[in-house]
Amino acid sequence: MKNLFDISGKVALVTGGSRGIGEMIAAGYVQNGAKVYISSRKQAACDATAARLSQSGTCISLPHDLSRMEGIAGLAADLAKRERRLDILVNNAGAAWGAPLEEYPESGWDKVMDLNLKSVFYLTQKLLPLLRAAASPQAPSRVINIASVEGLTPPSWENYAYPASKAGCLMLTRHLAQRLASDHILVNAIAPGPFPSQMTAFLLEHRGEEMRENNPLKRFGEPEDMAGVAIFLASRASAYLTGACVPCDGGIAEV
């Protein structure tokens, strides 16, 4: 019982790991003894975050653009050159796009869907050999998909592709969990509520107080909140859990 949340020695990949929720998760893994690879589209940002997190453990930058199949294949190939197994895959890379209903562009829709949903499926597919190599009945490997509370509860702002993509991510999580259970790969999702990040900066600036007041816990998420759930889903503590969605939202989706 003492080691239920131990992830030391695990190999993890966190996409979108250079900032925001991805960085929160990567930092939690690094500080708890995992070897963590982070990926993002911008090399300078990815390298800088990896260097910063490496002050408390092992964090390696593997920048790729996961909105394109070339980037997905490239990341999988780069990781396979460095590792024989992957214990934890966190599909966190994402994008949002806001526009009025009558003006919502196809380019925005496609950008969000490609990164938030398509890349989750195809990166998991490309990394199956490494995930299977790490998996055993006693120590399953893990896929953790970062969805959103907006995939559970329709938002009041006009960002149509984002909640649709996150709802799709939740069903994909359940579908993959069913398919991969026999391979001893557990697939679960986290549905974050509002956390301060570059993606949420505009909303928090213009509607922050309203969002805080409507949150049952009357606050925004903190890095420890996200890291805690991600560590739980990566550790022995969740070894009998697959196909689940864990809201990390202060109670927004529950009340």
Protein backbone atom coordinates (compact mmCIF):
# COMPACT_ATOMS: atom_id res chain seq x y z
CA MET A 1 0.00 0.00 0.00
CA LYS A 2 2.88 2.40 0.58
CA ASN A 3 3.88 2.47 -3.09
CA LEU A 4 0.47 2.82 -4.74
CA PHE A 5 1.39 6.12 -6.41
CA ASP A 6 5.00 5.30 -7.26
CA ILE A 7 5.95 6.08 -10.89
CA SER A 8 9.72 6.17 -10.43
CA GLY A 9 11.60 4.56 -13.32
CA LYS A 10 8.65 4.83 -15.71
CA VAL A 11 9.12 6.21 -19.22
CA ALA A 12 6.51 8.82 -20.18
CA LEU A 13 5.69 10.96 -23.18
CA VAL A 14 3.59 14.11 -22.69
CA THR A 15 2.46 15.89 -25.85
CA GLY A 16 1.85 19.61 -25.63
CA GLY A 17 4.24 19.40 -22.70
CA SER A 18 5.98 22.75 -23.08
CA ARG A 19 3.28 24.78 -21.31
CA GLY A 20 -0.10 24.74 -19.59
CA ILE A 21 -1.64 21.47 -18.48
CA GLY A 22 0.99 19.44 -20.32
CA GLU A 23 3.78 21.13 -18.40
CA MET A 24 1.90 20.60 -15.12
CA ILE A 25 1.71 16.88 -15.81
CA ALA A 26 5.29 16.62 -17.03
CA ALA A 27 6.57 18.45 -13.95
CA GLY A 28 4.65 16.10 -11.66
CA TYR A 29 6.08 13.05 -13.42
CA VAL A 30 9.64 14.40 -13.45
CA GLN A 31 9.57 15.30 -9.77
CA ASN A 32 8.29 11.83 -8.92
CA GLY A 33 11.08 9.98 -10.67
CA ALA A 34 9.80 9.26 -14.19
CA LYS A 35 11.88 9.75 -17.32
CA VAL A 36 9.77 12.20 -19.27
CA TYR A 37 9.78 13.19 -22.92
CA ILE A 38 7.82 16.28 -23.87
CA SER A 39 6.75 17.32 -27.35
CA SER A 40 5.33 20.52 -28.80
CA ARG A 41 5.30 22.29 -32.13
CA LYS A 42 7.75 25.05 -31.19
CA GLN A 43 11.25 23.74 -30.63
CA ALA A 44 12.52 26.71 -28.61
CA ALA A 45 9.66 26.49 -26.12
CA CYS A 46 9.94 22.71 -25.88
CA ASP A 47 13.70 22.86 -25.30
CA ALA A 48 13.36 25.59 -22.68
CA THR A 49 10.71 23.71 -20.69
CA ALA A 50 12.70 20.48 -20.83
CA ALA A 51 15.79 22.28 -19.56
CA ARG A 52 13.81 23.85 -16.73
CA LEU A 53 12.15 20.60 -15.66
CA SER A 54 15.45 18.72 -15.88
CA GLN A 55 16.62 20.68 -12.83
CA SER A 56 14.52 18.29 -10.74
CA GLY A 57 14.82 15.08 -12.77
CA THR A 58 14.96 13.83 -16.35
CA CYS A 59 13.05 15.64 -19.09
CA ILE A 60 13.87 15.40 -22.80
CA SER A 61 12.58 17.61 -25.62
CA LEU A 62 11.21 15.97 -28.80
CA PRO A 63 9.51 18.78 -30.75
CA HIS A 64 7.09 17.81 -33.53
CA ASP A 65 3.94 19.25 -35.10
CA LEU A 66 1.24 16.72 -34.23
CA SER A 67 -1.40 18.43 -36.35
CA ARG A 68 0.17 16.64 -39.35
CA MET A 69 0.65 12.93 -39.95
CA GLU A 70 4.32 13.58 -40.74
CA GLY A 71 4.80 15.00 -37.27
CA ILE A 72 2.99 12.11 -35.60
CA ALA A 73 5.10 9.55 -37.44
CA GLY A 74 8.24 11.56 -36.75
CA LEU A 75 7.63 11.71 -33.01
CA ALA A 76 6.93 7.99 -32.81
CA ALA A 77 10.08 7.21 -34.77
CA ASP A 78 12.25 9.54 -32.67
CA LEU A 79 11.00 7.99 -29.45
CA ALA A 80 11.55 4.46 -30.77
CA LYS A 81 15.19 5.35 -31.47
CA ARG A 82 15.65 6.24 -27.81
CA GLU A 83 13.44 3.80 -25.92
CA ARG A 84 12.44 0.14 -26.12
CA ARG A 85 9.27 0.71 -24.14
CA LEU A 86 6.78 3.41 -23.20
CA ASP A 87 4.96 3.10 -19.89
CA ILE A 88 2.84 6.26 -20.08
CA LEU A 89 1.50 8.21 -23.05
CA VAL A 90 -0.28 11.47 -22.26
CA ASN A 91 -2.15 12.82 -25.28
CA ASN A 92 -2.44 16.46 -24.27
CA ALA A 93 -1.55 18.54 -27.35
CA GLY A 94 -4.57 20.63 -28.28
CA ALA A 95 -5.94 23.79 -29.83
CA ALA A 96 -9.06 25.94 -29.62
CA TRP A 97 -10.79 28.31 -32.02
CA GLY A 98 -13.50 30.82 -31.26
CA ALA A 99 -15.78 32.55 -33.78
CA PRO A 100 -19.49 33.38 -34.14
CA LEU A 101 -21.63 30.55 -35.45
CA GLU A 102 -22.33 32.26 -38.76
CA GLU A 103 -18.64 32.95 -39.35
CA TYR A 104 -17.00 29.80 -37.99
CA PRO A 105 -14.30 28.87 -40.56
CA GLU A 106 -13.55 25.44 -41.94
CA SER A 107 -9.85 26.08 -41.35
CA GLY A 108 -10.46 26.58 -37.62
CA TRP A 109 -12.67 23.50 -37.40
CA ASP A 110 -10.08 21.33 -39.16
CA LYS A 111 -7.18 22.65 -37.09
CA VAL A 112 -8.94 21.81 -33.82
CA MET A 113 -10.19 18.40 -34.92
CA ASP A 114 -6.82 17.37 -36.37
CA LEU A 115 -4.90 18.15 -33.20
CA ASN A 116 -7.48 17.38 -30.50
CA LEU A 117 -8.86 14.15 -31.91
CA LYS A 118 -7.08 12.82 -34.98
CA SER A 119 -3.62 13.09 -33.44
CA VAL A 120 -4.77 11.28 -30.28
CA PHE A 121 -5.81 8.26 -32.33
CA TYR A 122 -2.85 8.12 -34.69
CA LEU A 123 -0.13 8.82 -32.13
CA THR A 124 -1.54 6.06 -29.93
CA GLN A 125 -1.60 3.79 -32.98
CA LYS A 126 2.02 4.57 -33.91
CA LEU A 127 3.23 4.01 -30.34
CA LEU A 128 1.46 0.69 -29.77
CA PRO A 129 4.68 -1.35 -30.17
CA LEU A 130 6.36 0.60 -27.35
CA LEU A 131 3.25 0.55 -25.16
CA ARG A 132 2.87 -3.21 -25.65
CA ALA A 133 6.55 -3.73 -24.84
CA ALA A 134 6.03 -2.06 -21.47
CA ALA A 135 2.74 -3.76 -20.61
CA SER A 136 2.14 -6.73 -18.34
CA PRO A 137 -0.80 -7.97 -16.26
CA GLN A 138 0.96 -6.82 -13.10
CA ALA A 139 2.02 -3.42 -14.51
CA PRO A 140 -0.20 -2.25 -17.40
CA SER A 141 1.02 0.57 -19.60
CA ARG A 142 -1.15 3.69 -19.71
CA VAL A 143 -2.68 6.02 -22.25
CA ILE A 144 -4.09 9.17 -20.67
CA ASN A 145 -6.10 11.44 -22.95
CA ILE A 146 -6.64 15.04 -21.91
CA ALA A 147 -10.23 15.91 -22.79
CA SER A 148 -12.14 18.80 -21.20
CA VAL A 149 -15.13 19.54 -19.03
CA GLU A 150 -16.49 21.11 -22.22
CA GLY A 151 -16.71 17.61 -23.68
CA LEU A 152 -19.19 16.84 -20.90
CA THR A 153 -21.09 20.12 -20.56
CA PRO A 154 -21.73 22.50 -23.51
CA PRO A 155 -20.03 25.87 -22.96
CA SER A 156 -21.71 29.24 -23.29
CA TRP A 157 -19.02 30.70 -25.58
CA GLU A 158 -18.71 30.10 -29.31
CA ASN A 159 -15.84 27.66 -29.73
CA TYR A 160 -17.80 24.94 -31.52
CA ALA A 161 -15.03 22.62 -32.68
CA TYR A 162 -13.36 22.43 -29.27
CA PRO A 163 -16.14 20.81 -27.19
CA ALA A 164 -17.07 18.56 -30.11
CA SER A 165 -13.46 17.37 -30.37
CA LYS A 166 -13.24 16.75 -26.63
CA ALA A 167 -16.51 14.81 -26.56
CA GLY A 168 -15.08 12.71 -29.38
CA CYS A 169 -11.90 12.23 -27.36
CA LEU A 170 -13.95 10.78 -24.50
CA MET A 171 -15.67 8.23 -26.75
CA LEU A 172 -12.36 7.37 -28.38
CA THR A 173 -10.96 6.77 -24.89
CA ARG A 174 -13.71 4.27 -24.13
CA HIS A 175 -13.34 2.57 -27.51
CA LEU A 176 -9.56 2.20 -27.23
CA ALA A 177 -9.88 1.01 -23.63
CA GLN A 178 -12.13 -1.81 -24.77
CA ARG A 179 -9.83 -2.78 -27.64
CA LEU A 180 -6.53 -2.59 -25.72
CA ALA A 181 -7.54 -4.19 -22.42
CA SER A 182 -6.34 -7.60 -23.62
CA ASP A 183 -2.94 -6.03 -24.36
CA HIS A 184 -2.72 -4.79 -20.76
CA ILE A 185 -2.88 -1.16 -21.89
CA LEU A 186 -5.22 0.99 -19.82
CA VAL A 187 -6.81 4.00 -21.53
CA ASN A 188 -8.39 6.74 -19.43
CA ALA A 189 -9.16 10.43 -19.77
CA ILE A 190 -8.96 13.56 -17.66
CA ALA A 191 -11.54 16.31 -18.21
CA PRO A 192 -9.99 19.52 -16.87
CA GLY A 193 -12.02 22.53 -15.93
CA PRO A 194 -10.50 26.04 -15.92
CA PHE A 195 -6.76 26.14 -15.31
CA PRO A 196 -4.66 29.26 -15.94
CA SER A 197 -2.78 28.73 -19.22
CA GLN A 198 -2.06 30.42 -22.51
CA MET A 199 -5.12 28.73 -24.04
CA THR A 200 -7.47 30.03 -21.34
CA ALA A 201 -5.86 33.45 -20.90
CA PHE A 202 -8.45 35.31 -23.00
CA LEU A 203 -11.40 33.71 -21.21
CA LEU A 204 -9.93 34.27 -17.76
CA GLU A 205 -9.22 37.90 -18.58
CA HIS A 206 -12.74 38.64 -19.77
CA ARG A 207 -14.87 36.18 -17.80
CA GLY A 208 -12.60 35.05 -14.99
CA GLU A 209 -14.69 36.27 -12.08
CA GLU A 210 -17.86 34.79 -13.57
CA MET A 211 -16.11 31.47 -14.09
CA ARG A 212 -14.74 31.49 -10.56
CA GLU A 213 -18.15 32.28 -9.09
CA ASN A 214 -19.80 29.47 -11.08
CA ASN A 215 -17.25 26.92 -9.89
CA PRO A 216 -18.49 25.02 -6.81
CA LEU A 217 -15.00 25.23 -5.26
CA LYS A 218 -14.75 28.97 -6.13
CA ARG A 219 -11.25 28.71 -7.59
CA PHE A 220 -9.28 27.72 -10.66
CA GLY A 221 -7.16 24.60 -10.92
CA GLU A 222 -3.56 24.61 -9.73
CA PRO A 223 -0.61 22.57 -11.06
CA GLU A 224 -0.76 20.14 -8.14
CA ASP A 225 -4.41 19.38 -8.92
CA MET A 226 -3.61 18.26 -12.45
CA ALA A 227 -0.38 16.47 -11.55
CA GLY A 228 -2.14 14.52 -8.82
CA VAL A 229 -4.79 13.08 -11.13
CA ALA A 230 -2.20 12.31 -13.81
CA ILE A 231 0.04 10.50 -11.31
CA PHE A 232 -2.94 8.49 -10.06
CA LEU A 233 -3.81 7.38 -13.60
CA ALA A 234 -0.17 6.41 -14.27
CA SER A 235 0.40 4.45 -11.07
CA ARG A 236 -0.58 1.15 -9.44
CA ALA A 237 -3.38 3.02 -7.69
CA SER A 238 -5.46 2.99 -10.91
CA ALA A 239 -4.51 -0.45 -12.25
CA TYR A 240 -8.15 -1.64 -12.19
CA LEU A 241 -9.46 1.42 -14.02
CA THR A 242 -9.85 1.72 -17.78
CA GLY A 243 -12.25 3.54 -20.09
CA ALA A 244 -12.94 6.13 -17.39
CA CYS A 245 -13.09 9.91 -17.44
CA VAL A 246 -11.87 11.71 -14.33
CA PRO A 247 -13.15 15.31 -14.18
CA CYS A 248 -10.65 17.71 -12.62
CA ASP A 249 -12.85 20.79 -12.62
CA GLY A 250 -13.80 21.86 -9.12
CA GLY A 251 -17.19 20.19 -9.50
CA ILE A 252 -18.47 22.00 -12.61
CA ALA A 253 -19.63 18.86 -14.40
CA GLU A 254 -20.92 17.16 -11.28
CA VAL A 255 -23.42 19.66 -9.88
